[in-house]
Full PDB file with SEQRES, HELIX, SHEET, SSBOND, CRYST1, ORIGX, SCALE, CONECT and MASTER records, all heavy atoms in Angstrom:
SEQRES   1 A   30  SER GLN PRO GLY ASN ASP VAL MET SER ILE LYS LEU LYS          
SEQRES   2 A   30  ALA LEU GLU PHE VAL LEU MET ALA GLU SER ILE MET TYR          
SEQRES   3 A   30  ARG SER GLY GLY                                              
HELIX    1 AA1 VAL A    7  ARG A   27  1                                  21    
CRYST1    1.000    1.000    1.000  90.00  90.00  90.00 P 1           1          
ORIGX1      1.000000  0.000000  0.000000        0.00000                         
ORIGX2      0.000000  1.000000  0.000000        0.00000                         
ORIGX3      0.000000  0.000000  1.000000        0.00000                         
SCALE1      1.000000  0.000000  0.000000        0.00000                         
SCALE2      0.000000  1.000000  0.000000        0.00000                         
SCALE3      0.000000  0.000000  1.000000        0.00000                         
ATOM      1  N   SER A   1     -31.410  18.989  18.438  1.00  0.00           N  
ATOM      2  CA  SER A   1     -32.141  20.043  19.150  1.00  0.00           C  
ATOM      3  C   SER A   1     -33.071  19.493  20.228  1.00  0.00           C  
ATOM      4  O   SER A   1     -33.690  20.262  20.968  1.00  0.00           O  
ATOM      5  CB  SER A   1     -32.972  20.869  18.157  1.00  0.00           C  
ATOM      6  OG  SER A   1     -34.100  20.125  17.707  1.00  0.00           O  
ATOM      7  N   GLN A   2     -33.170  18.171  20.317  1.00  0.00           N  
ATOM      8  CA  GLN A   2     -34.087  17.562  21.283  1.00  0.00           C  
ATOM      9  C   GLN A   2     -33.595  17.746  22.712  1.00  0.00           C  
ATOM     10  O   GLN A   2     -32.394  17.706  22.975  1.00  0.00           O  
ATOM     11  CB  GLN A   2     -34.278  16.077  20.972  1.00  0.00           C  
ATOM     12  CG  GLN A   2     -35.009  15.829  19.675  1.00  0.00           C  
ATOM     13  CD  GLN A   2     -36.285  16.626  19.609  1.00  0.00           C  
ATOM     14  OE1 GLN A   2     -37.244  16.374  20.335  1.00  0.00           O  
ATOM     15  NE2 GLN A   2     -36.312  17.643  18.760  1.00  0.00           N  
ATOM     16  N   PRO A   3     -34.532  17.950  23.628  1.00  0.00           N  
ATOM     17  CA  PRO A   3     -34.156  18.116  25.041  1.00  0.00           C  
ATOM     18  C   PRO A   3     -33.321  16.923  25.509  1.00  0.00           C  
ATOM     19  O   PRO A   3     -33.632  15.778  25.203  1.00  0.00           O  
ATOM     20  CB  PRO A   3     -35.502  18.157  25.770  1.00  0.00           C  
ATOM     21  CG  PRO A   3     -36.501  18.517  24.723  1.00  0.00           C  
ATOM     22  CD  PRO A   3     -35.973  17.996  23.417  1.00  0.00           C  
ATOM     23  N   GLY A   4     -32.264  17.219  26.203  1.00  0.00           N  
ATOM     24  CA  GLY A   4     -31.383  16.172  26.711  1.00  0.00           C  
ATOM     25  C   GLY A   4     -30.323  15.768  25.706  1.00  0.00           C  
ATOM     26  O   GLY A   4     -29.301  15.222  26.068  1.00  0.00           O  
ATOM     27  N   ASN A   5     -30.600  16.009  24.420  1.00  0.00           N  
ATOM     28  CA  ASN A   5     -29.621  15.742  23.359  1.00  0.00           C  
ATOM     29  C   ASN A   5     -28.948  14.383  23.575  1.00  0.00           C  
ATOM     30  O   ASN A   5     -27.719  14.283  23.635  1.00  0.00           O  
ATOM     31  CB  ASN A   5     -28.599  16.875  23.342  1.00  0.00           C  
ATOM     32  CG  ASN A   5     -27.807  16.919  22.045  1.00  0.00           C  
ATOM     33  OD1 ASN A   5     -27.959  16.069  21.182  1.00  0.00           O  
ATOM     34  ND2 ASN A   5     -26.963  17.917  21.926  1.00  0.00           N  
ATOM     35  N   ASP A   6     -29.754  13.319  23.699  1.00  0.00           N  
ATOM     36  CA  ASP A   6     -29.257  11.977  24.000  1.00  0.00           C  
ATOM     37  C   ASP A   6     -28.395  11.443  22.852  1.00  0.00           C  
ATOM     38  O   ASP A   6     -28.888  11.105  21.779  1.00  0.00           O  
ATOM     39  CB  ASP A   6     -30.434  11.044  24.262  1.00  0.00           C  
ATOM     40  CG  ASP A   6     -29.995   9.630  24.594  1.00  0.00           C  
ATOM     41  OD1 ASP A   6     -28.905   9.461  25.182  1.00  0.00           O  
ATOM     42  OD2 ASP A   6     -30.739   8.701  24.245  1.00  0.00           O  
ATOM     43  N   VAL A   7     -27.098  11.380  23.071  1.00  0.00           N  
ATOM     44  CA  VAL A   7     -26.127  11.007  22.040  1.00  0.00           C  
ATOM     45  C   VAL A   7     -26.399   9.606  21.498  1.00  0.00           C  
ATOM     46  O   VAL A   7     -26.346   9.384  20.289  1.00  0.00           O  
ATOM     47  CB  VAL A   7     -24.689  11.107  22.597  1.00  0.00           C  
ATOM     48  CG1 VAL A   7     -23.672  10.645  21.571  1.00  0.00           C  
ATOM     49  CG2 VAL A   7     -24.393  12.524  23.032  1.00  0.00           C  
ATOM     50  N   MET A   8     -26.710   8.652  22.357  1.00  0.00           N  
ATOM     51  CA  MET A   8     -26.936   7.285  21.894  1.00  0.00           C  
ATOM     52  C   MET A   8     -28.186   7.202  21.010  1.00  0.00           C  
ATOM     53  O   MET A   8     -28.181   6.498  20.001  1.00  0.00           O  
ATOM     54  CB  MET A   8     -27.045   6.322  23.076  1.00  0.00           C  
ATOM     55  CG  MET A   8     -27.003   4.863  22.642  1.00  0.00           C  
ATOM     56  SD  MET A   8     -25.570   4.404  21.627  1.00  0.00           S  
ATOM     57  CE  MET A   8     -24.262   4.507  22.816  1.00  0.00           C  
ATOM     58  N   SER A   9     -29.234   7.934  21.355  1.00  0.00           N  
ATOM     59  CA  SER A   9     -30.439   7.937  20.512  1.00  0.00           C  
ATOM     60  C   SER A   9     -30.140   8.525  19.149  1.00  0.00           C  
ATOM     61  O   SER A   9     -30.641   8.034  18.120  1.00  0.00           O  
ATOM     62  CB  SER A   9     -31.559   8.738  21.189  1.00  0.00           C  
ATOM     63  OG  SER A   9     -31.991   8.069  22.351  1.00  0.00           O  
ATOM     64  N   ILE A  10     -29.325   9.564  19.102  1.00  0.00           N  
ATOM     65  CA  ILE A  10     -28.940  10.178  17.824  1.00  0.00           C  
ATOM     66  C   ILE A  10     -28.128   9.188  16.993  1.00  0.00           C  
ATOM     67  O   ILE A  10     -28.369   9.010  15.793  1.00  0.00           O  
ATOM     68  CB  ILE A  10     -28.153  11.489  18.059  1.00  0.00           C  
ATOM     69  CG1 ILE A  10     -29.055  12.530  18.721  1.00  0.00           C  
ATOM     70  CG2 ILE A  10     -27.571  12.022  16.758  1.00  0.00           C  
ATOM     71  CD1 ILE A  10     -28.323  13.767  19.222  1.00  0.00           C  
ATOM     72  N   LYS A  11     -27.192   8.515  17.626  1.00  0.00           N  
ATOM     73  CA  LYS A  11     -26.364   7.540  16.924  1.00  0.00           C  
ATOM     74  C   LYS A  11     -27.218   6.403  16.357  1.00  0.00           C  
ATOM     75  O   LYS A  11     -27.044   5.987  15.214  1.00  0.00           O  
ATOM     76  CB  LYS A  11     -25.288   6.973  17.852  1.00  0.00           C  
ATOM     77  CG  LYS A  11     -24.183   7.963  18.179  1.00  0.00           C  
ATOM     78  CD  LYS A  11     -23.181   7.354  19.147  1.00  0.00           C  
ATOM     79  CE  LYS A  11     -22.049   8.333  19.425  1.00  0.00           C  
ATOM     80  NZ  LYS A  11     -21.026   7.751  20.309  1.00  0.00           N  
ATOM     81  N   LEU A  12     -28.136   5.905  17.166  1.00  0.00           N  
ATOM     82  CA  LEU A  12     -28.982   4.801  16.718  1.00  0.00           C  
ATOM     83  C   LEU A  12     -29.897   5.212  15.567  1.00  0.00           C  
ATOM     84  O   LEU A  12     -30.085   4.452  14.618  1.00  0.00           O  
ATOM     85  CB  LEU A  12     -29.808   4.252  17.881  1.00  0.00           C  
ATOM     86  CG  LEU A  12     -29.020   3.454  18.912  1.00  0.00           C  
ATOM     87  CD1 LEU A  12     -29.883   3.165  20.142  1.00  0.00           C  
ATOM     88  CD2 LEU A  12     -28.496   2.162  18.297  1.00  0.00           C  
ATOM     89  N   LYS A  13     -30.460   6.406  15.655  1.00  0.00           N  
ATOM     90  CA  LYS A  13     -31.352   6.866  14.586  1.00  0.00           C  
ATOM     91  C   LYS A  13     -30.569   7.097  13.302  1.00  0.00           C  
ATOM     92  O   LYS A  13     -31.032   6.748  12.208  1.00  0.00           O  
ATOM     93  CB  LYS A  13     -32.083   8.151  15.007  1.00  0.00           C  
ATOM     94  CG  LYS A  13     -33.258   8.478  14.115  1.00  0.00           C  
ATOM     95  CD  LYS A  13     -34.315   7.385  14.219  1.00  0.00           C  
ATOM     96  CE  LYS A  13     -35.579   7.738  13.491  1.00  0.00           C  
ATOM     97  NZ  LYS A  13     -36.562   6.663  13.554  1.00  0.00           N  
ATOM     98  N   ALA A  14     -29.363   7.676  13.406  1.00  0.00           N  
ATOM     99  CA  ALA A  14     -28.525   7.889  12.224  1.00  0.00           C  
ATOM    100  C   ALA A  14     -28.186   6.542  11.577  1.00  0.00           C  
ATOM    101  O   ALA A  14     -28.289   6.380  10.357  1.00  0.00           O  
ATOM    102  CB  ALA A  14     -27.256   8.642  12.605  1.00  0.00           C  
ATOM    103  N   LEU A  15     -27.812   5.574  12.397  1.00  0.00           N  
ATOM    104  CA  LEU A  15     -27.489   4.238  11.889  1.00  0.00           C  
ATOM    105  C   LEU A  15     -28.721   3.589  11.244  1.00  0.00           C  
ATOM    106  O   LEU A  15     -28.633   3.004  10.164  1.00  0.00           O  
ATOM    107  CB  LEU A  15     -26.945   3.373  13.025  1.00  0.00           C  
ATOM    108  CG  LEU A  15     -26.456   1.980  12.650  1.00  0.00           C  
ATOM    109  CD1 LEU A  15     -25.336   2.042  11.625  1.00  0.00           C  
ATOM    110  CD2 LEU A  15     -25.978   1.245  13.909  1.00  0.00           C  
ATOM    111  N   GLU A  16     -29.879   3.716  11.894  1.00  0.00           N  
ATOM    112  CA  GLU A  16     -31.124   3.162  11.347  1.00  0.00           C  
ATOM    113  C   GLU A  16     -31.404   3.741   9.968  1.00  0.00           C  
ATOM    114  O   GLU A  16     -31.718   3.012   9.024  1.00  0.00           O  
ATOM    115  CB  GLU A  16     -32.288   3.488  12.288  1.00  0.00           C  
ATOM    116  CG  GLU A  16     -33.642   3.101  11.738  1.00  0.00           C  
ATOM    117  CD  GLU A  16     -34.799   3.674  12.561  1.00  0.00           C  
ATOM    118  OE1 GLU A  16     -34.596   4.058  13.733  1.00  0.00           O  
ATOM    119  OE2 GLU A  16     -35.914   3.756  12.014  1.00  0.00           O  
ATOM    120  N   PHE A  17     -31.300   5.061   9.832  1.00  0.00           N  
ATOM    121  CA  PHE A  17     -31.598   5.706   8.554  1.00  0.00           C  
ATOM    122  C   PHE A  17     -30.602   5.308   7.472  1.00  0.00           C  
ATOM    123  O   PHE A  17     -30.982   5.101   6.318  1.00  0.00           O  
ATOM    124  CB  PHE A  17     -31.622   7.222   8.720  1.00  0.00           C  
ATOM    125  CG  PHE A  17     -32.960   7.773   9.147  1.00  0.00           C  
ATOM    126  CD1 PHE A  17     -33.872   7.009   9.862  1.00  0.00           C  
ATOM    127  CD2 PHE A  17     -33.292   9.080   8.858  1.00  0.00           C  
ATOM    128  CE1 PHE A  17     -35.091   7.523  10.260  1.00  0.00           C  
ATOM    129  CE2 PHE A  17     -34.516   9.613   9.242  1.00  0.00           C  
ATOM    130  CZ  PHE A  17     -35.414   8.830   9.944  1.00  0.00           C  
ATOM    131  N   VAL A  18     -29.332   5.213   7.821  1.00  0.00           N  
ATOM    132  CA  VAL A  18     -28.320   4.823   6.829  1.00  0.00           C  
ATOM    133  C   VAL A  18     -28.583   3.399   6.351  1.00  0.00           C  
ATOM    134  O   VAL A  18     -28.550   3.131   5.147  1.00  0.00           O  
ATOM    135  CB  VAL A  18     -26.895   4.979   7.402  1.00  0.00           C  
ATOM    136  CG1 VAL A  18     -25.866   4.275   6.528  1.00  0.00           C  
ATOM    137  CG2 VAL A  18     -26.552   6.460   7.550  1.00  0.00           C  
ATOM    138  N   LEU A  19     -28.867   2.499   7.270  1.00  0.00           N  
ATOM    139  CA  LEU A  19     -29.150   1.113   6.874  1.00  0.00           C  
ATOM    140  C   LEU A  19     -30.415   1.025   6.022  1.00  0.00           C  
ATOM    141  O   LEU A  19     -30.465   0.278   5.040  1.00  0.00           O  
ATOM    142  CB  LEU A  19     -29.251   0.222   8.106  1.00  0.00           C  
ATOM    143  CG  LEU A  19     -27.945   0.031   8.886  1.00  0.00           C  
ATOM    144  CD1 LEU A  19     -28.197  -0.751  10.167  1.00  0.00           C  
ATOM    145  CD2 LEU A  19     -26.883  -0.635   8.038  1.00  0.00           C  
ATOM    146  N   MET A  20     -31.427   1.802   6.384  1.00  0.00           N  
ATOM    147  CA  MET A  20     -32.663   1.817   5.604  1.00  0.00           C  
ATOM    148  C   MET A  20     -32.405   2.385   4.208  1.00  0.00           C  
ATOM    149  O   MET A  20     -32.883   1.844   3.207  1.00  0.00           O  
ATOM    150  CB  MET A  20     -33.735   2.632   6.339  1.00  0.00           C  
ATOM    151  CG  MET A  20     -35.111   2.410   5.799  1.00  0.00           C  
ATOM    152  SD  MET A  20     -36.500   3.003   6.835  1.00  0.00           S  
ATOM    153  CE  MET A  20     -35.841   4.184   7.929  1.00  0.00           C  
ATOM    154  N   ALA A  21     -31.634   3.469   4.131  1.00  0.00           N  
ATOM    155  CA  ALA A  21     -31.328   4.093   2.843  1.00  0.00           C  
ATOM    156  C   ALA A  21     -30.557   3.130   1.943  1.00  0.00           C  
ATOM    157  O   ALA A  21     -30.846   3.001   0.749  1.00  0.00           O  
ATOM    158  CB  ALA A  21     -30.530   5.377   3.063  1.00  0.00           C  
ATOM    159  N   GLU A  22     -29.587   2.442   2.514  1.00  0.00           N  
ATOM    160  CA  GLU A  22     -28.806   1.498   1.715  1.00  0.00           C  
ATOM    161  C   GLU A  22     -29.643   0.308   1.289  1.00  0.00           C  
ATOM    162  O   GLU A  22     -29.485  -0.201   0.182  1.00  0.00           O  
ATOM    163  CB  GLU A  22     -27.559   1.062   2.478  1.00  0.00           C  
ATOM    164  CG  GLU A  22     -26.546   2.186   2.581  1.00  0.00           C  
ATOM    165  CD  GLU A  22     -25.265   1.786   3.274  1.00  0.00           C  
ATOM    166  OE1 GLU A  22     -25.181   0.656   3.810  1.00  0.00           O  
ATOM    167  OE2 GLU A  22     -24.333   2.607   3.286  1.00  0.00           O  
ATOM    168  N   SER A  23     -30.559  -0.120   2.136  1.00  0.00           N  
ATOM    169  CA  SER A  23     -31.452  -1.209   1.763  1.00  0.00           C  
ATOM    170  C   SER A  23     -32.319  -0.797   0.574  1.00  0.00           C  
ATOM    171  O   SER A  23     -32.493  -1.562  -0.379  1.00  0.00           O  
ATOM    172  CB  SER A  23     -32.325  -1.595   2.957  1.00  0.00           C  
ATOM    173  OG  SER A  23     -33.215  -2.616   2.602  1.00  0.00           O  
ATOM    174  N   ILE A  24     -32.851   0.405   0.623  1.00  0.00           N  
ATOM    175  CA  ILE A  24     -33.652   0.930  -0.494  1.00  0.00           C  
ATOM    176  C   ILE A  24     -32.799   0.973  -1.756  1.00  0.00           C  
ATOM    177  O   ILE A  24     -33.237   0.576  -2.837  1.00  0.00           O  
ATOM    178  CB  ILE A  24     -34.217   2.319  -0.150  1.00  0.00           C  
ATOM    179  CG1 ILE A  24     -35.282   2.198   0.943  1.00  0.00           C  
ATOM    180  CG2 ILE A  24     -34.772   3.013  -1.388  1.00  0.00           C  
ATOM    181  CD1 ILE A  24     -35.680   3.527   1.586  1.00  0.00           C  
ATOM    182  N   MET A  25     -31.565   1.448  -1.623  1.00  0.00           N  
ATOM    183  CA  MET A  25     -30.665   1.549  -2.769  1.00  0.00           C  
ATOM    184  C   MET A  25     -30.401   0.167  -3.367  1.00  0.00           C  
ATOM    185  O   MET A  25     -30.505  -0.016  -4.572  1.00  0.00           O  
ATOM    186  CB  MET A  25     -29.347   2.190  -2.344  1.00  0.00           C  
ATOM    187  CG  MET A  25     -28.328   2.287  -3.464  1.00  0.00           C  
ATOM    188  SD  MET A  25     -26.637   2.445  -2.869  1.00  0.00           S  
ATOM    189  CE  MET A  25     -26.341   0.877  -2.079  1.00  0.00           C  
ATOM    190  N   TYR A  26     -30.065  -0.809  -2.522  1.00  0.00           N  
ATOM    191  CA  TYR A  26     -29.788  -2.149  -3.033  1.00  0.00           C  
ATOM    192  C   TYR A  26     -31.010  -2.747  -3.709  1.00  0.00           C  
ATOM    193  O   TYR A  26     -30.909  -3.390  -4.751  1.00  0.00           O  
ATOM    194  CB  TYR A  26     -29.316  -3.081  -1.914  1.00  0.00           C  
ATOM    195  CG  TYR A  26     -27.898  -2.827  -1.464  1.00  0.00           C  
ATOM    196  CD1 TYR A  26     -27.617  -2.555  -0.131  1.00  0.00           C  
ATOM    197  CD2 TYR A  26     -26.838  -2.863  -2.361  1.00  0.00           C  
ATOM    198  CE1 TYR A  26     -26.312  -2.322   0.288  1.00  0.00           C  
ATOM    199  CE2 TYR A  26     -25.537  -2.631  -1.951  1.00  0.00           C  
ATOM    200  CZ  TYR A  26     -25.279  -2.358  -0.627  1.00  0.00           C  
ATOM    201  OH  TYR A  26     -23.988  -2.133  -0.219  1.00  0.00           O  
ATOM    202  N   ARG A  27     -32.179  -2.539  -3.136  1.00  0.00           N  
ATOM    203  CA  ARG A  27     -33.403  -3.110  -3.701  1.00  0.00           C  
ATOM    204  C   ARG A  27     -33.818  -2.439  -5.002  1.00  0.00           C  
ATOM    205  O   ARG A  27     -34.607  -2.989  -5.755  1.00  0.00           O  
ATOM    206  CB  ARG A  27     -34.531  -3.051  -2.684  1.00  0.00           C  
ATOM    207  CG  ARG A  27     -34.319  -3.975  -1.516  1.00  0.00           C  
ATOM    208  CD  ARG A  27     -35.362  -3.744  -0.426  1.00  0.00           C  
ATOM    209  NE  ARG A  27     -35.017  -4.428   0.780  1.00  0.00           N  
ATOM    210  CZ  ARG A  27     -35.424  -5.662   1.082  1.00  0.00           C  
ATOM    211  NH1 ARG A  27     -36.180  -6.322   0.245  1.00  0.00           N  
ATOM    212  NH2 ARG A  27     -35.062  -6.221   2.220  1.00  0.00           N  
ATOM    213  N   SER A  28     -33.287  -1.253  -5.263  1.00  0.00           N  
ATOM    214  CA  SER A  28     -33.650  -0.545  -6.498  1.00  0.00           C  
ATOM    215  C   SER A  28     -32.973  -1.167  -7.714  1.00  0.00           C  
ATOM    216  O   SER A  28     -33.337  -0.885  -8.840  1.00  0.00           O  
ATOM    217  CB  SER A  28     -33.272   0.931  -6.398  1.00  0.00           C  
ATOM    218  OG  SER A  28     -31.873   1.107  -6.528  1.00  0.00           O  
ATOM    219  N   GLY A  29     -31.971  -2.013  -7.477  1.00  0.00           N  
ATOM    220  CA  GLY A  29     -31.297  -2.692  -8.576  1.00  0.00           C  
ATOM    221  C   GLY A  29     -30.032  -1.984  -9.004  1.00  0.00           C  
ATOM    222  O   GLY A  29     -29.813  -0.810  -8.721  1.00  0.00           O  
ATOM    223  N   GLY A  30     -29.194  -2.718  -9.694  1.00  0.00           N  
ATOM    224  CA  GLY A  30     -27.980  -2.141 -10.226  1.00  0.00           C  
ATOM    225  C   GLY A  30     -26.782  -2.224  -9.299  1.00  0.00           C  
ATOM    226  O   GLY A  30     -25.670  -1.918  -9.704  1.00  0.00           O  
TER     227      GLY A  30                                                      
MASTER        0    0    0    1    0    0    0    6  226    1    0    3          
END                                                                             
């Protein structure tokens, strides 16, 4: 919904969040 709807910024943020989420998951153990 952001003005300009910058596709690359969306892609980078999605990738950042996925990597962060997986890092949290791995660090939680198991």
